[in-house]
N, C-alpha and C. Protein backbone atom coordinates (compact mmCIF):
# COMPACT_ATOMS: atom_id res chain seq x y z
N UNK A 1 113.22 76.55 129.62
CA UNK A 1 112.17 76.42 128.63
C UNK A 1 111.39 77.73 128.48
N UNK A 2 111.02 78.34 129.62
CA UNK A 2 110.27 79.59 129.58
C UNK A 2 111.06 80.68 128.88
N UNK A 3 112.37 80.75 129.12
CA UNK A 3 113.18 81.79 128.48
C UNK A 3 113.24 81.58 126.97
N UNK A 4 113.22 80.33 126.51
CA UNK A 4 113.19 80.06 125.07
C UNK A 4 111.89 80.54 124.44
N UNK A 5 110.77 80.33 125.14
CA UNK A 5 109.47 80.78 124.63
C UNK A 5 109.42 82.31 124.59
N UNK A 6 109.91 82.96 125.64
CA UNK A 6 109.93 84.42 125.68
C UNK A 6 110.82 84.96 124.57
N UNK A 7 111.96 84.33 124.33
CA UNK A 7 112.85 84.75 123.25
C UNK A 7 112.18 84.59 121.89
N UNK A 8 111.49 83.48 121.70
CA UNK A 8 110.79 83.24 120.44
C UNK A 8 109.69 84.27 120.23
N UNK A 9 108.92 84.56 121.27
CA UNK A 9 107.85 85.55 121.17
C UNK A 9 108.44 86.93 120.87
N UNK A 10 109.55 87.26 121.50
CA UNK A 10 110.21 88.55 121.25
C UNK A 10 110.66 88.65 119.80
N UNK A 11 111.26 87.57 119.27
CA UNK A 11 111.69 87.58 117.88
C UNK A 11 110.51 87.71 116.93
N UNK A 12 109.42 87.03 117.23
CA UNK A 12 108.22 87.13 116.39
C UNK A 12 107.64 88.54 116.43
N UNK A 13 107.64 89.15 117.61
CA UNK A 13 107.11 90.51 117.73
C UNK A 13 107.93 91.49 116.92
N UNK A 14 109.25 91.34 116.94
CA UNK A 14 110.11 92.22 116.16
C UNK A 14 109.88 91.99 114.67
N UNK A 15 109.73 90.73 114.28
CA UNK A 15 109.51 90.42 112.87
C UNK A 15 108.17 90.96 112.38
N UNK A 16 107.15 90.85 113.19
CA UNK A 16 105.82 91.29 112.79
C UNK A 16 105.63 92.79 112.93
N UNK A 17 106.08 93.35 114.06
CA UNK A 17 105.80 94.74 114.36
C UNK A 17 106.96 95.68 114.11
N UNK A 18 108.11 95.17 113.78
CA UNK A 18 109.28 96.04 113.59
C UNK A 18 109.99 96.24 114.91
N UNK A 19 111.15 96.86 114.85
CA UNK A 19 111.98 97.04 116.02
C UNK A 19 111.37 97.90 117.09
N UNK A 20 110.51 98.86 116.73
CA UNK A 20 109.95 99.74 117.75
C UNK A 20 108.65 99.20 118.34
N UNK A 21 108.21 98.03 117.92
CA UNK A 21 107.03 97.42 118.51
C UNK A 21 105.71 97.93 117.94
N UNK A 22 105.75 98.85 116.99
CA UNK A 22 104.52 99.40 116.42
C UNK A 22 104.61 99.34 114.91
N UNK A 23 103.55 98.89 114.29
CA UNK A 23 103.50 98.89 112.83
C UNK A 23 102.08 99.22 112.41
N UNK A 24 101.94 100.25 111.61
CA UNK A 24 100.62 100.60 111.09
C UNK A 24 100.19 99.51 110.13
N UNK A 25 98.94 99.15 110.22
CA UNK A 25 98.43 98.11 109.33
C UNK A 25 98.40 98.64 107.90
N UNK A 26 99.00 97.88 107.00
CA UNK A 26 98.97 98.26 105.60
C UNK A 26 97.54 98.08 105.09
N UNK A 27 97.14 98.94 104.20
CA UNK A 27 95.79 98.92 103.67
C UNK A 27 95.86 98.78 102.16
N UNK A 28 95.16 97.81 101.62
CA UNK A 28 95.06 97.65 100.18
C UNK A 28 93.74 98.26 99.75
N UNK A 29 93.79 99.51 99.31
CA UNK A 29 92.59 100.23 98.93
C UNK A 29 91.89 99.55 97.76
N UNK A 30 92.66 98.97 96.83
CA UNK A 30 92.07 98.30 95.68
C UNK A 30 91.21 97.10 96.10
N UNK A 31 91.56 96.47 97.21
CA UNK A 31 90.77 95.35 97.73
C UNK A 31 89.62 95.88 98.58
N UNK A 32 89.90 96.87 99.43
CA UNK A 32 88.87 97.42 100.32
C UNK A 32 87.74 98.09 99.53
N UNK A 33 88.10 98.70 98.41
CA UNK A 33 87.12 99.38 97.56
C UNK A 33 87.27 98.83 96.15
N UNK A 34 86.63 97.69 95.87
CA UNK A 34 86.81 97.02 94.58
C UNK A 34 86.29 97.85 93.40
N UNK A 35 86.82 97.57 92.24
CA UNK A 35 86.48 98.33 91.04
C UNK A 35 84.98 98.28 90.73
N UNK A 36 84.32 97.19 91.04
CA UNK A 36 82.87 97.12 90.79
C UNK A 36 82.13 98.17 91.63
N UNK A 37 82.54 98.33 92.86
CA UNK A 37 81.92 99.33 93.73
C UNK A 37 82.21 100.74 93.23
N UNK A 38 83.46 100.99 92.85
CA UNK A 38 83.84 102.31 92.35
C UNK A 38 83.11 102.62 91.05
N UNK A 39 83.03 101.65 90.15
CA UNK A 39 82.31 101.85 88.89
C UNK A 39 80.85 102.23 89.14
N UNK A 40 80.23 101.52 90.08
CA UNK A 40 78.82 101.79 90.41
C UNK A 40 78.66 103.19 91.01
N UNK A 41 79.51 103.55 91.97
CA UNK A 41 79.39 104.85 92.63
C UNK A 41 79.73 106.00 91.68
N UNK A 42 80.70 105.77 90.77
CA UNK A 42 81.14 106.82 89.85
C UNK A 42 80.30 106.87 88.58
N UNK A 43 79.38 105.92 88.43
CA UNK A 43 78.52 105.85 87.23
C UNK A 43 79.36 105.76 85.96
N UNK A 44 80.42 104.94 86.04
CA UNK A 44 81.31 104.75 84.90
C UNK A 44 81.65 103.27 84.80
N UNK A 45 81.96 102.82 83.60
CA UNK A 45 82.40 101.45 83.40
C UNK A 45 83.93 101.45 83.39
N UNK A 46 84.51 101.35 84.56
CA UNK A 46 85.97 101.44 84.71
C UNK A 46 86.60 100.07 84.52
N UNK A 47 87.75 100.05 83.85
CA UNK A 47 88.47 98.81 83.62
C UNK A 47 89.91 99.01 84.09
N UNK A 48 90.37 98.13 84.98
CA UNK A 48 91.75 98.15 85.44
C UNK A 48 91.94 98.94 86.72
N UNK A 49 92.83 98.43 87.57
CA UNK A 49 93.20 99.11 88.82
C UNK A 49 94.71 99.11 88.95
N UNK A 50 95.21 100.10 89.68
CA UNK A 50 96.65 100.17 89.96
C UNK A 50 96.82 100.70 91.38
N UNK A 51 97.49 99.91 92.21
CA UNK A 51 97.78 100.36 93.58
C UNK A 51 98.78 101.50 93.54
N UNK A 52 98.61 102.44 94.43
CA UNK A 52 99.50 103.59 94.53
C UNK A 52 99.87 103.73 96.01
N UNK A 53 101.01 103.15 96.39
CA UNK A 53 101.38 103.03 97.79
C UNK A 53 102.71 103.70 98.06
N UNK A 54 102.77 104.47 99.15
CA UNK A 54 104.02 105.02 99.66
C UNK A 54 104.05 104.72 101.14
N UNK A 55 104.69 103.62 101.50
CA UNK A 55 104.72 103.22 102.91
C UNK A 55 105.42 104.26 103.77
N UNK A 56 106.43 104.94 103.22
CA UNK A 56 107.14 105.96 103.98
C UNK A 56 106.21 107.10 104.38
N UNK A 57 105.30 107.45 103.50
CA UNK A 57 104.34 108.54 103.75
C UNK A 57 103.05 108.02 104.37
N UNK A 58 102.97 106.72 104.62
CA UNK A 58 101.76 106.08 105.16
C UNK A 58 100.57 106.34 104.24
N UNK A 59 100.83 106.37 102.93
CA UNK A 59 99.80 106.66 101.94
C UNK A 59 99.47 105.39 101.15
N UNK A 60 98.20 105.06 101.14
CA UNK A 60 97.74 103.86 100.46
C UNK A 60 96.59 104.25 99.55
N UNK A 61 96.76 104.04 98.25
CA UNK A 61 95.73 104.47 97.31
C UNK A 61 95.50 103.47 96.20
N UNK A 62 94.51 103.79 95.38
CA UNK A 62 94.21 102.97 94.23
C UNK A 62 93.70 103.88 93.12
N UNK A 63 94.19 103.64 91.91
CA UNK A 63 93.73 104.35 90.72
C UNK A 63 92.90 103.37 89.90
N UNK A 64 91.73 103.81 89.49
CA UNK A 64 90.78 102.96 88.78
C UNK A 64 90.59 103.46 87.35
N UNK A 65 90.49 102.52 86.41
CA UNK A 65 90.27 102.87 85.02
C UNK A 65 91.58 103.08 84.29
N UNK A 66 91.51 103.06 82.98
CA UNK A 66 92.70 103.28 82.15
C UNK A 66 93.26 104.66 82.44
N UNK A 67 94.52 104.73 82.75
CA UNK A 67 95.14 106.02 83.06
C UNK A 67 94.80 106.53 84.44
N UNK A 68 94.17 105.73 85.28
CA UNK A 68 93.87 106.14 86.65
C UNK A 68 92.88 107.28 86.72
N UNK A 69 91.82 107.21 85.96
CA UNK A 69 90.84 108.29 85.91
C UNK A 69 90.26 108.64 87.27
N UNK A 70 89.90 107.63 88.03
CA UNK A 70 89.31 107.82 89.36
C UNK A 70 90.34 107.33 90.37
N UNK A 71 90.53 108.10 91.45
CA UNK A 71 91.49 107.66 92.46
C UNK A 71 90.94 107.90 93.85
N UNK A 72 91.34 107.01 94.76
CA UNK A 72 90.97 107.10 96.16
C UNK A 72 92.20 106.72 96.96
N UNK A 73 92.48 107.49 98.02
CA UNK A 73 93.64 107.14 98.84
C UNK A 73 93.42 107.50 100.30
N UNK A 74 94.25 106.89 101.14
CA UNK A 74 94.20 107.07 102.59
C UNK A 74 95.61 107.40 103.07
N UNK A 75 95.70 108.33 104.00
CA UNK A 75 96.95 108.57 104.71
C UNK A 75 96.66 108.39 106.19
N UNK A 76 97.37 107.43 106.80
CA UNK A 76 97.24 107.20 108.24
C UNK A 76 98.46 106.47 108.73
N UNK A 77 99.03 106.77 109.83
CA UNK A 77 98.81 108.00 110.59
C UNK A 77 99.40 109.19 109.84
N UNK A 78 99.20 110.36 110.36
CA UNK A 78 99.73 111.57 109.74
C UNK A 78 98.72 112.28 108.87
N UNK A 79 97.47 111.84 108.89
CA UNK A 79 96.45 112.43 108.05
C UNK A 79 96.16 113.89 108.39
N UNK A 80 96.19 114.23 109.67
CA UNK A 80 95.89 115.61 110.07
C UNK A 80 96.92 116.58 109.49
N UNK A 81 98.19 116.22 109.57
CA UNK A 81 99.25 117.07 109.02
C UNK A 81 99.14 117.15 107.50
N UNK A 82 98.84 116.03 106.85
CA UNK A 82 98.70 116.02 105.39
C UNK A 82 97.51 116.87 104.96
N UNK A 83 96.41 116.79 105.71
CA UNK A 83 95.23 117.60 105.39
C UNK A 83 95.57 119.08 105.50
N UNK A 84 96.25 119.45 106.55
CA UNK A 84 96.62 120.85 106.76
C UNK A 84 97.51 121.37 105.64
N UNK A 85 98.54 120.59 105.30
CA UNK A 85 99.46 121.00 104.22
C UNK A 85 98.72 121.16 102.90
N UNK A 86 97.88 120.19 102.58
CA UNK A 86 97.18 120.21 101.29
C UNK A 86 96.15 121.33 101.24
N UNK A 87 95.34 121.46 102.27
CA UNK A 87 94.30 122.48 102.24
C UNK A 87 94.90 123.89 102.25
N UNK A 88 96.08 124.07 102.85
CA UNK A 88 96.74 125.38 102.82
C UNK A 88 97.23 125.74 101.42
N UNK A 89 97.54 124.73 100.61
CA UNK A 89 98.00 124.99 99.23
C UNK A 89 96.84 125.34 98.29
N UNK A 90 95.63 125.09 98.73
CA UNK A 90 94.44 125.37 97.92
C UNK A 90 93.50 126.30 98.69
N UNK A 91 93.87 127.57 98.82
CA UNK A 91 93.07 128.49 99.65
C UNK A 91 91.66 128.73 99.12
N UNK A 92 91.41 128.43 97.85
CA UNK A 92 90.07 128.63 97.29
C UNK A 92 89.22 127.38 97.35
N UNK A 93 89.73 126.32 97.98
CA UNK A 93 88.95 125.10 98.11
C UNK A 93 87.71 125.38 98.96
N UNK A 94 86.62 124.73 98.61
CA UNK A 94 85.35 124.91 99.30
C UNK A 94 85.26 123.95 100.48
N UNK A 95 84.84 124.45 101.63
CA UNK A 95 84.61 123.60 102.79
C UNK A 95 83.39 122.72 102.53
N UNK A 96 83.51 121.45 102.87
CA UNK A 96 82.41 120.50 102.70
C UNK A 96 81.85 120.17 104.07
N UNK A 97 80.63 120.57 104.33
CA UNK A 97 80.00 120.32 105.63
C UNK A 97 79.52 118.88 105.73
N UNK A 98 79.60 118.34 106.95
CA UNK A 98 79.03 117.02 107.22
C UNK A 98 79.84 115.84 106.75
N UNK A 99 81.10 116.06 106.43
CA UNK A 99 81.96 114.96 105.99
C UNK A 99 83.21 114.95 106.87
N UNK A 100 83.31 113.96 107.75
CA UNK A 100 84.47 113.85 108.63
C UNK A 100 84.57 115.02 109.60
N UNK A 101 85.78 115.16 110.17
CA UNK A 101 86.04 116.27 111.09
C UNK A 101 86.17 117.58 110.31
N UNK A 102 86.77 117.49 109.15
CA UNK A 102 86.94 118.61 108.23
C UNK A 102 86.99 118.02 106.83
N UNK A 103 86.55 118.78 105.85
CA UNK A 103 86.65 118.32 104.47
C UNK A 103 86.66 119.53 103.55
N UNK A 104 87.37 119.38 102.42
CA UNK A 104 87.41 120.43 101.41
C UNK A 104 87.26 119.80 100.03
N UNK A 105 86.78 120.64 99.10
CA UNK A 105 86.61 120.22 97.71
C UNK A 105 87.23 121.28 96.81
N UNK A 106 87.96 120.82 95.82
CA UNK A 106 88.50 121.69 94.78
C UNK A 106 88.39 120.93 93.47
N UNK A 107 87.96 121.62 92.44
CA UNK A 107 87.73 120.99 91.13
C UNK A 107 88.97 120.23 90.63
N UNK A 108 90.15 120.79 90.80
CA UNK A 108 91.37 120.16 90.32
C UNK A 108 91.97 119.15 91.27
N UNK A 109 91.58 119.22 92.53
CA UNK A 109 92.15 118.38 93.59
C UNK A 109 91.27 117.21 93.96
N UNK A 110 89.96 117.42 93.92
CA UNK A 110 89.02 116.42 94.39
C UNK A 110 88.53 116.77 95.77
N UNK A 111 88.09 115.78 96.51
CA UNK A 111 87.56 115.96 97.86
C UNK A 111 88.51 115.29 98.84
N UNK A 112 88.82 116.00 99.91
CA UNK A 112 89.70 115.48 100.95
C UNK A 112 88.97 115.60 102.27
N UNK A 113 88.89 114.50 103.02
CA UNK A 113 88.19 114.49 104.30
C UNK A 113 89.10 113.96 105.40
N UNK A 114 89.04 114.61 106.54
CA UNK A 114 89.84 114.23 107.70
C UNK A 114 88.96 113.55 108.73
N UNK A 115 89.38 112.38 109.19
CA UNK A 115 88.71 111.62 110.25
C UNK A 115 89.75 111.33 111.31
N UNK A 116 89.81 112.13 112.37
CA UNK A 116 90.87 111.95 113.38
C UNK A 116 92.22 112.23 112.76
N UNK A 117 93.11 111.23 112.74
CA UNK A 117 94.43 111.40 112.11
C UNK A 117 94.50 110.60 110.80
N UNK A 118 93.34 110.33 110.23
CA UNK A 118 93.25 109.64 108.95
C UNK A 118 92.64 110.58 107.93
N UNK A 119 93.27 110.70 106.78
CA UNK A 119 92.69 111.50 105.71
C UNK A 119 92.36 110.57 104.55
N UNK A 120 91.20 110.79 103.95
CA UNK A 120 90.79 110.03 102.77
C UNK A 120 90.48 111.04 101.68
N UNK A 121 91.04 110.79 100.50
CA UNK A 121 90.73 111.69 99.39
C UNK A 121 90.24 110.89 98.20
N UNK A 122 89.42 111.56 97.40
CA UNK A 122 88.88 110.95 96.18
C UNK A 122 88.91 111.99 95.07
N UNK A 123 89.19 111.50 93.86
CA UNK A 123 89.16 112.37 92.69
C UNK A 123 88.43 111.66 91.57
N UNK A 124 87.47 112.36 90.99
CA UNK A 124 86.73 111.88 89.83
C UNK A 124 86.80 112.98 88.78
N UNK A 125 87.21 112.67 87.56
CA UNK A 125 87.25 113.72 86.53
C UNK A 125 85.84 114.23 86.23
N UNK A 126 85.73 115.52 85.98
CA UNK A 126 84.43 116.15 85.78
C UNK A 126 83.71 115.69 84.54
N UNK A 127 84.40 115.65 83.43
CA UNK A 127 83.71 115.33 82.19
C UNK A 127 82.57 116.31 81.98
N UNK A 128 81.36 115.79 81.87
CA UNK A 128 80.19 116.65 81.66
C UNK A 128 79.41 116.88 82.95
N UNK A 129 79.95 116.44 84.08
CA UNK A 129 79.24 116.60 85.36
C UNK A 129 79.48 117.99 85.95
N UNK A 130 78.53 118.42 86.75
CA UNK A 130 78.67 119.68 87.48
C UNK A 130 79.55 119.44 88.71
N UNK A 131 79.99 120.53 89.35
CA UNK A 131 80.75 120.40 90.60
C UNK A 131 79.93 119.66 91.65
N UNK A 132 78.64 119.93 91.71
CA UNK A 132 77.76 119.29 92.70
C UNK A 132 77.71 117.78 92.47
N UNK A 133 77.59 117.36 91.22
CA UNK A 133 77.55 115.93 90.92
C UNK A 133 78.89 115.26 91.23
N UNK A 134 79.98 115.93 90.86
CA UNK A 134 81.31 115.37 91.12
C UNK A 134 81.55 115.24 92.62
N UNK A 135 81.23 116.28 93.36
CA UNK A 135 81.39 116.25 94.82
C UNK A 135 80.57 115.12 95.43
N UNK A 136 79.36 114.92 94.98
CA UNK A 136 78.51 113.84 95.52
C UNK A 136 79.16 112.47 95.29
N UNK A 137 79.72 112.25 94.12
CA UNK A 137 80.37 110.97 93.84
C UNK A 137 81.62 110.82 94.70
N UNK A 138 82.42 111.87 94.80
CA UNK A 138 83.65 111.79 95.61
C UNK A 138 83.31 111.55 97.08
N UNK A 139 82.28 112.19 97.59
CA UNK A 139 81.84 111.94 98.97
C UNK A 139 81.44 110.48 99.16
N UNK A 140 80.70 109.93 98.20
CA UNK A 140 80.26 108.53 98.33
C UNK A 140 81.45 107.58 98.30
N UNK A 141 82.46 107.87 97.51
CA UNK A 141 83.68 107.04 97.49
C UNK A 141 84.40 107.11 98.83
N UNK A 142 84.52 108.32 99.37
CA UNK A 142 85.19 108.49 100.67
C UNK A 142 84.44 107.73 101.76
N UNK A 143 83.13 107.87 101.80
CA UNK A 143 82.35 107.18 102.84
C UNK A 143 82.38 105.66 102.66
N UNK A 144 82.40 105.20 101.42
CA UNK A 144 82.48 103.74 101.18
C UNK A 144 83.80 103.19 101.70
N UNK A 145 84.89 103.91 101.47
CA UNK A 145 86.19 103.45 101.98
C UNK A 145 86.24 103.60 103.49
N UNK A 146 85.73 104.69 104.01
CA UNK A 146 85.74 104.93 105.47
C UNK A 146 85.07 103.77 106.19
N UNK A 147 84.01 103.23 105.63
CA UNK A 147 83.28 102.13 106.28
C UNK A 147 84.12 100.85 106.34
N UNK A 148 85.20 100.79 105.57
CA UNK A 148 86.07 99.60 105.54
C UNK A 148 87.27 99.73 106.48
N UNK A 149 87.49 100.91 107.03
CA UNK A 149 88.67 101.13 107.87
C UNK A 149 88.43 100.72 109.30
């Protein structure tokens, strides 16, 4: 009887966690950071969301508004390597103090913040906003999602 229970538990563990016994928890950014919250933080009336997920890259994101105007995403694990690769491609990106372990901002890229081995990025189109205003909104989106992780 005990061997049957152990076999059943082993099968369940493989089914739930995969063959190697480890599975990163999938994150639904669109649920963790609902459109109402994003609309309020971005000072925009956004309509529609689209999940943007690449499980192979451990990337979980959400695009908000028609055409995905505002986007927020998470990479974990592997965030430190992704942050390094991305920030190296944008040598003129501005360092953002006081956000995560490291953070950078670039007008065309948005804001990317590293928290341990998790990276969170946010992009808000400038429109008529200054870089300072855009950065403030992107920081607030990153921190709002960070609080849900």
